[in-house]
Amino acid sequence: MYIFWQTLSSWENNKALSDIQNLISLSDLYRHFLGELIKEGHRIAKKIKIKDNLAEITMYLGCVVVPVSIAFLSGSLSILVSSAGMLCILFNKEIAKRLEKIFIK
């Protein structure tokens, strides 16, 4: 499914409504009942936005943690924290999937 960014923006800003085919595709993509999308669109839209950004957030977190741990921590703690940051960078998609299962229901 491909949607132009202008179309998505108009949906998010309540300037236009999606057609039924896009709603069906979105309901399949995000595994939500069509009725949920129609009745509780704003609440679900927030969940979808968070879900889509989890991998990116996890990667950026790792990119911040590594240099901070090297600069401000010493010894074993620096190695441990920077290793955790590297794991966040390397496995951001897998971590995001697990976070989604825990926090987004």
PDB file of N, CA and C in Angstrom:
ATOM      1  N   MET A   1       0.846  -1.178   0.000  1.00  0.00           N
ATOM      2  CA  MET A   1       0.000   0.000   0.000  1.00  0.00           C
ATOM      3  C   MET A   1       0.890   1.239   0.000  1.00  0.00           C
ATOM      4  N   TYR A   2       0.622   2.150  -0.893  1.00  0.00           N
ATOM      5  CA  TYR A   2       1.405   3.378  -0.986  1.00  0.00           C
ATOM      6  C   TYR A   2       0.466   4.573  -0.874  1.00  0.00           C
ATOM      7  N   ILE A   3       0.810   5.496   0.017  1.00  0.00           N
ATOM      8  CA  ILE A   3       0.016   6.703   0.203  1.00  0.00           C
ATOM      9  C   ILE A   3       0.956   7.896   0.098  1.00  0.00           C
ATOM     10  N   PHE A   4       0.579   8.884  -0.679  1.00  0.00           N
ATOM     11  CA  PHE A   4       1.392  10.095  -0.783  1.00  0.00           C
ATOM     12  C   PHE A   4       1.404  10.827   0.559  1.00  0.00           C
ATOM     13  N   TRP A   5       2.521  11.466   0.871  1.00  0.00           N
ATOM     14  CA  TRP A   5       2.647  12.152   2.157  1.00  0.00           C
ATOM     15  C   TRP A   5       1.622  13.276   2.280  1.00  0.00           C
ATOM     16  N   GLN A   6       1.257  13.910   1.161  1.00  0.00           N
ATOM     17  CA  GLN A   6       0.260  14.978   1.217  1.00  0.00           C
ATOM     18  C   GLN A   6      -1.102  14.422   1.641  1.00  0.00           C
ATOM     19  N   THR A   7      -1.431  13.237   1.139  1.00  0.00           N
ATOM     20  CA  THR A   7      -2.697  12.591   1.499  1.00  0.00           C
ATOM     21  C   THR A   7      -2.713  12.259   2.980  1.00  0.00           C
ATOM     22  N   LEU A   8      -1.622  11.656   3.454  1.00  0.00           N
ATOM     23  CA  LEU A   8      -1.526  11.299   4.865  1.00  0.00           C
ATOM     24  C   LEU A   8      -1.622  12.532   5.743  1.00  0.00           C
ATOM     25  N   SER A   9      -0.951  13.589   5.350  1.00  0.00           N
ATOM     26  CA  SER A   9      -0.993  14.840   6.103  1.00  0.00           C
ATOM     27  C   SER A   9      -2.419  15.385   6.176  1.00  0.00           C
ATOM     28  N   SER A  10      -3.139  15.321   5.067  1.00  0.00           N
ATOM     29  CA  SER A  10      -4.518  15.824   5.080  1.00  0.00           C
ATOM     30  C   SER A  10      -5.415  14.976   5.983  1.00  0.00           C
ATOM     31  N   TRP A  11      -5.143  13.670   6.067  1.00  0.00           N
ATOM     32  CA  TRP A  11      -5.897  12.823   6.994  1.00  0.00           C
ATOM     33  C   TRP A  11      -5.584  13.202   8.430  1.00  0.00           C
ATOM     34  N   GLU A  12      -4.282  13.354   8.731  1.00  0.00           N
ATOM     35  CA  GLU A  12      -3.865  13.653  10.102  1.00  0.00           C
ATOM     36  C   GLU A  12      -4.375  15.004  10.582  1.00  0.00           C
ATOM     37  N   ASN A  13      -4.536  15.954   9.668  1.00  0.00           N
ATOM     38  CA  ASN A  13      -4.982  17.293  10.037  1.00  0.00           C
ATOM     39  C   ASN A  13      -6.479  17.498   9.831  1.00  0.00           C
ATOM     40  N   ASN A  14      -7.199  16.392   9.655  1.00  0.00           N
ATOM     41  CA  ASN A  14      -8.654  16.419   9.488  1.00  0.00           C
ATOM     42  C   ASN A  14      -9.110  17.312   8.344  1.00  0.00           C
ATOM     43  N   LYS A  15      -8.320  17.379   7.281  1.00  0.00           N
ATOM     44  CA  LYS A  15      -8.702  18.151   6.101  1.00  0.00           C
ATOM     45  C   LYS A  15      -9.360  17.264   5.051  1.00  0.00           C
ATOM     46  N   ALA A  16      -9.201  15.960   5.188  1.00  0.00           N
ATOM     47  CA  ALA A  16      -9.803  15.009   4.255  1.00  0.00           C
ATOM     48  C   ALA A  16     -10.020  13.684   4.981  1.00  0.00           C
ATOM     49  N   LEU A  17     -10.903  12.883   4.432  1.00  0.00           N
ATOM     50  CA  LEU A  17     -11.164  11.554   4.976  1.00  0.00           C
ATOM     51  C   LEU A  17     -10.645  10.502   4.007  1.00  0.00           C
ATOM     52  N   SER A  18     -10.230   9.390   4.557  1.00  0.00           N
ATOM     53  CA  SER A  18      -9.752   8.281   3.735  1.00  0.00           C
ATOM     54  C   SER A  18     -10.933   7.606   3.044  1.00  0.00           C
ATOM     55  N   ASP A  19     -10.670   7.023   1.881  1.00  0.00           N
ATOM     56  CA  ASP A  19     -11.721   6.233   1.259  1.00  0.00           C
ATOM     57  C   ASP A  19     -11.756   4.850   1.905  1.00  0.00           C
ATOM     58  N   ILE A  20     -12.802   4.105   1.634  1.00  0.00           N
ATOM     59  CA  ILE A  20     -13.008   2.816   2.299  1.00  0.00           C
ATOM     60  C   ILE A  20     -11.911   1.819   1.963  1.00  0.00           C
ATOM     61  N   GLN A  21     -11.391   1.842   0.734  1.00  0.00           N
ATOM     62  CA  GLN A  21     -10.343   0.887   0.360  1.00  0.00           C
ATOM     63  C   GLN A  21      -9.079   1.116   1.186  1.00  0.00           C
ATOM     64  N   ASN A  22      -8.708   2.376   1.402  1.00  0.00           N
ATOM     65  CA  ASN A  22      -7.536   2.666   2.241  1.00  0.00           C
ATOM     66  C   ASN A  22      -7.777   2.253   3.682  1.00  0.00           C
ATOM     67  N   LEU A  23      -8.997   2.462   4.179  1.00  0.00           N
ATOM     68  CA  LEU A  23      -9.308   2.027   5.546  1.00  0.00           C
ATOM     69  C   LEU A  23      -9.188   0.518   5.685  1.00  0.00           C
ATOM     70  N   ILE A  24      -9.658  -0.206   4.701  1.00  0.00           N
ATOM     71  CA  ILE A  24      -9.549  -1.676   4.733  1.00  0.00           C
ATOM     72  C   ILE A  24      -8.076  -2.087   4.708  1.00  0.00           C
ATOM     73  N   SER A  25      -7.284  -1.448   3.839  1.00  0.00           N
ATOM     74  CA  SER A  25      -5.855  -1.775   3.760  1.00  0.00           C
ATOM     75  C   SER A  25      -5.142  -1.458   5.073  1.00  0.00           C
ATOM     76  N   LEU A  26      -5.459  -0.312   5.669  1.00  0.00           N
ATOM     77  CA  LEU A  26      -4.849   0.050   6.955  1.00  0.00           C
ATOM     78  C   LEU A  26      -5.262  -0.926   8.049  1.00  0.00           C
ATOM     79  N   SER A  27      -6.527  -1.341   8.034  1.00  0.00           N
ATOM     80  CA  SER A  27      -6.994  -2.289   9.049  1.00  0.00           C
ATOM     81  C   SER A  27      -6.273  -3.627   8.914  1.00  0.00           C
ATOM     82  N   ASP A  28      -6.004  -4.060   7.688  1.00  0.00           N
ATOM     83  CA  ASP A  28      -5.241  -5.293   7.469  1.00  0.00           C
ATOM     84  C   ASP A  28      -3.786  -5.118   7.890  1.00  0.00           C
ATOM     85  N   LEU A  29      -3.193  -3.993   7.500  1.00  0.00           N
ATOM     86  CA  LEU A  29      -1.783  -3.740   7.780  1.00  0.00           C
ATOM     87  C   LEU A  29      -1.495  -3.703   9.280  1.00  0.00           C
ATOM     88  N   TYR A  30      -2.339  -3.011  10.036  1.00  0.00           N
ATOM     89  CA  TYR A  30      -2.090  -2.841  11.473  1.00  0.00           C
ATOM     90  C   TYR A  30      -2.904  -3.796  12.343  1.00  0.00           C
ATOM     91  N   ARG A  31      -3.591  -4.737  11.698  1.00  0.00           N
ATOM     92  CA  ARG A  31      -4.356  -5.769  12.402  1.00  0.00           C
ATOM     93  C   ARG A  31      -5.353  -5.182  13.403  1.00  0.00           C
ATOM     94  N   HIS A  32      -6.114  -4.217  12.944  1.00  0.00           N
ATOM     95  CA  HIS A  32      -7.204  -3.637  13.736  1.00  0.00           C
ATOM     96  C   HIS A  32      -8.494  -3.833  12.946  1.00  0.00           C
ATOM     97  N   PHE A  33      -9.592  -4.048  13.678  1.00  0.00           N
ATOM     98  CA  PHE A  33     -10.873  -4.155  13.012  1.00  0.00           C
ATOM     99  C   PHE A  33     -11.218  -2.817  12.372  1.00  0.00           C
ATOM    100  N   LEU A  34     -11.889  -2.878  11.261  1.00  0.00           N
ATOM    101  CA  LEU A  34     -12.277  -1.674  10.537  1.00  0.00           C
ATOM    102  C   LEU A  34     -13.099  -0.745  11.440  1.00  0.00           C
ATOM    103  N   GLY A  35     -13.963  -1.328  12.248  1.00  0.00           N
ATOM    104  CA  GLY A  35     -14.773  -0.536  13.174  1.00  0.00           C
ATOM    105  C   GLY A  35     -13.929   0.250  14.166  1.00  0.00           C
ATOM    106  N   GLU A  36     -12.826  -0.347  14.607  1.00  0.00           N
ATOM    107  CA  GLU A  36     -11.925   0.361  15.527  1.00  0.00           C
ATOM    108  C   GLU A  36     -11.330   1.584  14.852  1.00  0.00           C
ATOM    109  N   LEU A  37     -10.920   1.433  13.586  1.00  0.00           N
ATOM    110  CA  LEU A  37     -10.321   2.554  12.869  1.00  0.00           C
ATOM    111  C   LEU A  37     -11.326   3.689  12.713  1.00  0.00           C
ATOM    112  N   ILE A  38     -12.569   3.333  12.464  1.00  0.00           N
ATOM    113  CA  ILE A  38     -13.584   4.358  12.254  1.00  0.00           C
ATOM    114  C   ILE A  38     -13.997   5.006  13.574  1.00  0.00           C
ATOM    115  N   LYS A  39     -14.267   4.198  14.595  1.00  0.00           N
ATOM    116  CA  LYS A  39     -14.755   4.728  15.874  1.00  0.00           C
ATOM    117  C   LYS A  39     -13.657   5.353  16.719  1.00  0.00           C
ATOM    118  N   GLU A  40     -12.501   4.747  16.750  1.00  0.00           N
ATOM    119  CA  GLU A  40     -11.446   5.186  17.654  1.00  0.00           C
ATOM    120  C   GLU A  40     -10.194   5.591  16.884  1.00  0.00           C
ATOM    121  N   GLY A  41     -10.370   6.274  15.790  1.00  0.00           N
ATOM    122  CA  GLY A  41      -9.277   6.619  14.898  1.00  0.00           C
ATOM    123  C   GLY A  41      -8.135   7.370  15.549  1.00  0.00           C
ATOM    124  N   HIS A  42      -8.445   8.376  16.381  1.00  0.00           N
ATOM    125  CA  HIS A  42      -7.381   9.188  16.979  1.00  0.00           C
ATOM    126  C   HIS A  42      -6.523   8.380  17.945  1.00  0.00           C
ATOM    127  N   ARG A  43      -7.162   7.572  18.766  1.00  0.00           N
ATOM    128  CA  ARG A  43      -6.414   6.756  19.731  1.00  0.00           C
ATOM    129  C   ARG A  43      -5.534   5.741  18.999  1.00  0.00           C
ATOM    130  N   ILE A  44      -6.077   5.111  17.985  1.00  0.00           N
ATOM    131  CA  ILE A  44      -5.328   4.117  17.227  1.00  0.00           C
ATOM    132  C   ILE A  44      -4.225   4.788  16.420  1.00  0.00           C
ATOM    133  N   ALA A  45      -4.493   5.968  15.886  1.00  0.00           N
ATOM    134  CA  ALA A  45      -3.472   6.686  15.121  1.00  0.00           C
ATOM    135  C   ALA A  45      -2.248   6.968  15.975  1.00  0.00           C
ATOM    136  N   LYS A  46      -2.450   7.304  17.246  1.00  0.00           N
ATOM    137  CA  LYS A  46      -1.311   7.533  18.145  1.00  0.00           C
ATOM    138  C   LYS A  46      -0.513   6.254  18.330  1.00  0.00           C
ATOM    139  N   LYS A  47      -1.200   5.125  18.508  1.00  0.00           N
ATOM    140  CA  LYS A  47      -0.507   3.843  18.663  1.00  0.00           C
ATOM    141  C   LYS A  47       0.285   3.499  17.413  1.00  0.00           C
ATOM    142  N   ILE A  48      -0.312   3.723  16.254  1.00  0.00           N
ATOM    143  CA  ILE A  48       0.355   3.404  14.992  1.00  0.00           C
ATOM    144  C   ILE A  48       1.589   4.271  14.826  1.00  0.00           C
ATOM    145  N   LYS A  49       1.480   5.557  15.151  1.00  0.00           N
ATOM    146  CA  LYS A  49       2.619   6.461  15.019  1.00  0.00           C
ATOM    147  C   LYS A  49       3.758   6.020  15.933  1.00  0.00           C
ATOM    148  N   ILE A  50       3.433   5.646  17.174  1.00  0.00           N
ATOM    149  CA  ILE A  50       4.449   5.160  18.111  1.00  0.00           C
ATOM    150  C   ILE A  50       5.057   3.862  17.584  1.00  0.00           C
ATOM    151  N   LYS A  51       4.215   2.960  17.119  1.00  0.00           N
ATOM    152  CA  LYS A  51       4.680   1.673  16.601  1.00  0.00           C
ATOM    153  C   LYS A  51       5.649   1.871  15.444  1.00  0.00           C
ATOM    154  N   ASP A  52       5.323   2.770  14.533  1.00  0.00           N
ATOM    155  CA  ASP A  52       6.177   3.015  13.373  1.00  0.00           C
ATOM    156  C   ASP A  52       7.505   3.640  13.756  1.00  0.00           C
ATOM    157  N   ASN A  53       7.565   4.346  14.869  1.00  0.00           N
ATOM    158  CA  ASN A  53       8.785   5.055  15.251  1.00  0.00           C
ATOM    159  C   ASN A  53       9.646   4.318  16.271  1.00  0.00           C
ATOM    160  N   LEU A  54       9.197   3.193  16.796  1.00  0.00           N
ATOM    161  CA  LEU A  54       9.944   2.499  17.851  1.00  0.00           C
ATOM    162  C   LEU A  54      11.346   2.083  17.418  1.00  0.00           C
ATOM    163  N   ALA A  55      11.486   1.541  16.225  1.00  0.00           N
ATOM    164  CA  ALA A  55      12.809   1.100  15.761  1.00  0.00           C
ATOM    165  C   ALA A  55      13.746   2.289  15.620  1.00  0.00           C
ATOM    166  N   GLU A  56      13.229   3.376  15.088  1.00  0.00           N
ATOM    167  CA  GLU A  56      14.047   4.578  14.914  1.00  0.00           C
ATOM    168  C   GLU A  56      14.452   5.161  16.267  1.00  0.00           C
ATOM    169  N   ILE A  57      13.532   5.206  17.196  1.00  0.00           N
ATOM    170  CA  ILE A  57      13.819   5.729  18.537  1.00  0.00           C
ATOM    171  C   ILE A  57      14.872   4.868  19.227  1.00  0.00           C
ATOM    172  N   THR A  58      14.741   3.551  19.098  1.00  0.00           N
ATOM    173  CA  THR A  58      15.698   2.630  19.713  1.00  0.00           C
ATOM    174  C   THR A  58      17.096   2.827  19.142  1.00  0.00           C
ATOM    175  N   MET A  59      17.182   3.018  17.829  1.00  0.00           N
ATOM    176  CA  MET A  59      18.484   3.226  17.207  1.00  0.00           C
ATOM    177  C   MET A  59      19.107   4.539  17.691  1.00  0.00           C
ATOM    178  N   TYR A  60      18.315   5.612  17.718  1.00  0.00           N
ATOM    179  CA  TYR A  60      18.841   6.901  18.178  1.00  0.00           C
ATOM    180  C   TYR A  60      19.264   6.846  19.639  1.00  0.00           C
ATOM    181  N   LEU A  61      18.521   6.106  20.444  1.00  0.00           N
ATOM    182  CA  LEU A  61      18.892   5.936  21.847  1.00  0.00           C
ATOM    183  C   LEU A  61      20.274   5.309  21.949  1.00  0.00           C
ATOM    184  N   GLY A  62      20.504   4.265  21.168  1.00  0.00           N
ATOM    185  CA  GLY A  62      21.823   3.624  21.153  1.00  0.00           C
ATOM    186  C   GLY A  62      22.914   4.579  20.703  1.00  0.00           C
ATOM    187  N   CYS A  63      22.601   5.412  19.705  1.00  0.00           N
ATOM    188  CA  CYS A  63      23.581   6.380  19.190  1.00  0.00           C
ATOM    189  C   CYS A  63      23.936   7.444  20.228  1.00  0.00           C
ATOM    190  N   VAL A  64      23.050   7.705  21.144  1.00  0.00           N
ATOM    191  CA  VAL A  64      23.329   8.673  22.212  1.00  0.00           C
ATOM    192  C   VAL A  64      24.051   7.993  23.378  1.00  0.00           C
ATOM    193  N   VAL A  65      23.612   6.793  23.716  1.00  0.00           N
ATOM    194  CA  VAL A  65      24.161   6.086  24.877  1.00  0.00           C
ATOM    195  C   VAL A  65      25.641   5.758  24.705  1.00  0.00           C
ATOM    196  N   VAL A  66      26.042   5.319  23.514  1.00  0.00           N
ATOM    197  CA  VAL A  66      27.430   4.899  23.304  1.00  0.00           C
ATOM    198  C   VAL A  66      28.427   6.031  23.579  1.00  0.00           C
ATOM    199  N   PRO A  67      28.330   7.182  22.912  1.00  0.00           N
ATOM    200  CA  PRO A  67      29.328   8.228  23.187  1.00  0.00           C
ATOM    201  C   PRO A  67      29.237   8.801  24.598  1.00  0.00           C
ATOM    202  N   VAL A  68      28.027   8.872  25.146  1.00  0.00           N
ATOM    203  CA  VAL A  68      27.876   9.396  26.514  1.00  0.00           C
ATOM    204  C   VAL A  68      28.550   8.456  27.504  1.00  0.00           C
ATOM    205  N   SER A  69      28.361   7.151  27.325  1.00  0.00           N
ATOM    206  CA  SER A  69      28.980   6.201  28.258  1.00  0.00           C
ATOM    207  C   SER A  69      30.504   6.234  28.156  1.00  0.00           C
ATOM    208  N   ILE A  70      31.010   6.404  26.948  1.00  0.00           N
ATOM    209  CA  ILE A  70      32.461   6.471  26.770  1.00  0.00           C
ATOM    210  C   ILE A  70      33.029   7.741  27.391  1.00  0.00           C
ATOM    211  N   ALA A  71      32.288   8.852  27.226  1.00  0.00           N
ATOM    212  CA  ALA A  71      32.783  10.140  27.714  1.00  0.00           C
ATOM    213  C   ALA A  71      32.676  10.293  29.233  1.00  0.00           C
ATOM    214  N   PHE A  72      31.595   9.776  29.824  1.00  0.00           N
ATOM    215  CA  PHE A  72      31.332  10.094  31.227  1.00  0.00           C
ATOM    216  C   PHE A  72      31.457   8.929  32.200  1.00  0.00           C
ATOM    217  N   LEU A  73      31.569   7.718  31.705  1.00  0.00           N
ATOM    218  CA  LEU A  73      31.702   6.574  32.600  1.00  0.00           C
ATOM    219  C   LEU A  73      33.094   5.988  32.446  1.00  0.00           C
ATOM    220  N   SER A  74      33.482   5.171  33.425  1.00  0.00           N
ATOM    221  CA  SER A  74      34.809   4.576  33.338  1.00  0.00           C
ATOM    222  C   SER A  74      34.760   3.089  33.662  1.00  0.00           C
ATOM    223  N   GLY A  75      35.747   2.393  33.180  1.00  0.00           N
ATOM    224  CA  GLY A  75      35.925   0.982  33.514  1.00  0.00           C
ATOM    225  C   GLY A  75      34.826   0.083  32.984  1.00  0.00           C
ATOM    226  N   SER A  76      34.465  -0.866  33.807  1.00  0.00           N
ATOM    227  CA  SER A  76      33.499  -1.895  33.427  1.00  0.00           C
ATOM    228  C   SER A  76      32.128  -1.308  33.127  1.00  0.00           C
ATOM    229  N   LEU A  77      31.747  -0.283  33.869  1.00  0.00           N
ATOM    230  CA  LEU A  77      30.439   0.328  33.658  1.00  0.00           C
ATOM    231  C   LEU A  77      30.351   0.959  32.260  1.00  0.00           C
ATOM    232  N   SER A  78      31.441   1.601  31.839  1.00  0.00           N
ATOM    233  CA  SER A  78      31.485   2.193  30.504  1.00  0.00           C
ATOM    234  C   SER A  78      31.344   1.127  29.427  1.00  0.00           C
ATOM    235  N   ILE A  79      32.027   0.027  29.604  1.00  0.00           N
ATOM    236  CA  ILE A  79      31.956  -1.074  28.635  1.00  0.00           C
ATOM    237  C   ILE A  79      30.551  -1.663  28.597  1.00  0.00           C
ATOM    238  N   LEU A  80      29.950  -1.854  29.766  1.00  0.00           N
ATOM    239  CA  LEU A  80      28.617  -2.435  29.852  1.00  0.00           C
ATOM    240  C   LEU A  80      27.577  -1.533  29.183  1.00  0.00           C
ATOM    241  N   VAL A  81      27.591  -0.255  29.516  1.00  0.00           N
ATOM    242  CA  VAL A  81      26.591   0.672  28.978  1.00  0.00           C
ATOM    243  C   VAL A  81      26.801   0.896  27.479  1.00  0.00           C
ATOM    244  N   SER A  82      28.053   1.044  27.054  1.00  0.00           N
ATOM    245  CA  SER A  82      28.290   1.235  25.617  1.00  0.00           C
ATOM    246  C   SER A  82      27.929  -0.026  24.835  1.00  0.00           C
ATOM    247  N   SER A  83      28.124  -1.194  25.425  1.00  0.00           N
ATOM    248  CA  SER A  83      27.706  -2.443  24.763  1.00  0.00           C
ATOM    249  C   SER A  83      26.185  -2.488  24.614  1.00  0.00           C
ATOM    250  N   ALA A  84      25.477  -2.054  25.646  1.00  0.00           N
ATOM    251  CA  ALA A  84      24.011  -1.997  25.562  1.00  0.00           C
ATOM    252  C   ALA A  84      23.576  -1.032  24.461  1.00  0.00           C
ATOM    253  N   GLY A  85      24.274   0.092  24.351  1.00  0.00           N
ATOM    254  CA  GLY A  85      23.979   1.046  23.288  1.00  0.00           C
ATOM    255  C   GLY A  85      24.227   0.464  21.904  1.00  0.00           C
ATOM    256  N   MET A  86      25.319  -0.279  21.767  1.00  0.00           N
ATOM    257  CA  MET A  86      25.623  -0.918  20.481  1.00  0.00           C
ATOM    258  C   MET A  86      24.564  -1.958  20.114  1.00  0.00           C
ATOM    259  N   LEU A  87      24.078  -2.692  21.111  1.00  0.00           N
ATOM    260  CA  LEU A  87      23.017  -3.666  20.859  1.00  0.00           C
ATOM    261  C   LEU A  87      21.746  -2.967  20.393  1.00  0.00           C
ATOM    262  N   CYS A  88      21.445  -1.805  20.987  1.00  0.00           N
ATOM    263  CA  CYS A  88      20.280  -1.025  20.544  1.00  0.00           C
ATOM    264  C   CYS A  88      20.420  -0.604  19.089  1.00  0.00           C
ATOM    265  N   ILE A  89      21.615  -0.218  18.694  1.00  0.00           N
ATOM    266  CA  ILE A  89      21.852   0.192  17.314  1.00  0.00           C
ATOM    267  C   ILE A  89      21.722  -1.004  16.370  1.00  0.00           C
ATOM    268  N   LEU A  90      22.354  -2.108  16.728  1.00  0.00           N
ATOM    269  CA  LEU A  90      22.389  -3.269  15.844  1.00  0.00           C
ATOM    270  C   LEU A  90      21.053  -4.005  15.741  1.00  0.00           C
ATOM    271  N   PHE A  91      20.313  -4.057  16.837  1.00  0.00           N
ATOM    272  CA  PHE A  91      19.086  -4.852  16.878  1.00  0.00           C
ATOM    273  C   PHE A  91      17.854  -3.992  17.109  1.00  0.00           C
ATOM    274  N   ASN A  92      17.851  -2.768  16.591  1.00  0.00           N
ATOM    275  CA  ASN A  92      16.748  -1.841  16.862  1.00  0.00           C
ATOM    276  C   ASN A  92      15.395  -2.376  16.403  1.00  0.00           C
ATOM    277  N   LYS A  93      15.330  -3.070  15.292  1.00  0.00           N
ATOM    278  CA  LYS A  93      14.041  -3.581  14.811  1.00  0.00           C
ATOM    279  C   LYS A  93      13.508  -4.693  15.702  1.00  0.00           C
ATOM    280  N   GLU A  94      14.391  -5.580  16.133  1.00  0.00           N
ATOM    281  CA  GLU A  94      13.968  -6.673  17.004  1.00  0.00           C
ATOM    282  C   GLU A  94      13.551  -6.139  18.379  1.00  0.00           C
ATOM    283  N   ILE A  95      14.303  -5.174  18.891  1.00  0.00           N
ATOM    284  CA  ILE A  95      13.965  -4.565  20.183  1.00  0.00           C
ATOM    285  C   ILE A  95      12.627  -3.857  20.075  1.00  0.00           C
ATOM    286  N   ALA A  96      12.402  -3.146  18.967  1.00  0.00           N
ATOM    287  CA  ALA A  96      11.140  -2.441  18.763  1.00  0.00           C
ATOM    288  C   ALA A  96       9.961  -3.410  18.752  1.00  0.00           C
ATOM    289  N   LYS A  97      10.136  -4.582  18.120  1.00  0.00           N
ATOM    290  CA  LYS A  97       9.060  -5.576  18.101  1.00  0.00           C
ATOM    291  C   LYS A  97       8.720  -6.043  19.510  1.00  0.00           C
ATOM    292  N   ARG A  98       9.752  -6.268  20.320  1.00  0.00           N
ATOM    293  CA  ARG A  98       9.508  -6.719  21.692  1.00  0.00           C
ATOM    294  C   ARG A  98       8.864  -5.618  22.530  1.00  0.00           C
ATOM    295  N   LEU A  99       9.320  -4.374  22.354  1.00  0.00           N
ATOM    296  CA  LEU A  99       8.711  -3.255  23.082  1.00  0.00           C
ATOM    297  C   LEU A  99       7.248  -3.081  22.683  1.00  0.00           C
ATOM    298  N   GLU A 100       6.984  -3.282  21.413  1.00  0.00           N
ATOM    299  CA  GLU A 100       5.602  -3.176  20.931  1.00  0.00           C
ATOM    300  C   GLU A 100       4.703  -4.202  21.631  1.00  0.00           C
ATOM    301  N   LYS A 101       5.197  -5.428  21.759  1.00  0.00           N
ATOM    302  CA  LYS A 101       4.413  -6.465  22.423  1.00  0.00           C
ATOM    303  C   LYS A 101       4.151  -6.123  23.884  1.00  0.00           C
ATOM    304  N   ILE A 102       5.124  -5.466  24.516  1.00  0.00           N
ATOM    305  CA  ILE A 102       4.972  -5.143  25.940  1.00  0.00           C
ATOM    306  C   ILE A 102       4.089  -3.928  26.164  1.00  0.00           C
ATOM    307  N   PHE A 103       4.309  -2.859  25.395  1.00  0.00           N
ATOM    308  CA  PHE A 103       3.679  -1.584  25.712  1.00  0.00           C
ATOM    309  C   PHE A 103       2.491  -1.206  24.837  1.00  0.00           C
ATOM    310  N   ILE A 104       2.405  -1.717  23.630  1.00  0.00           N
ATOM    311  CA  ILE A 104       1.317  -1.330  22.731  1.00  0.00           C
ATOM    312  C   ILE A 104       0.387  -2.520  22.541  1.00  0.00           C
ATOM    313  N   LYS A 105      -0.781  -2.390  23.086  1.00  0.00           N
ATOM    314  CA  LYS A 105      -1.751  -3.493  23.025  1.00  0.00           C
ATOM    315  C   LYS A 105      -2.913  -3.114  22.160  1.00  0.00           C
TER     316      LYS A 105
END
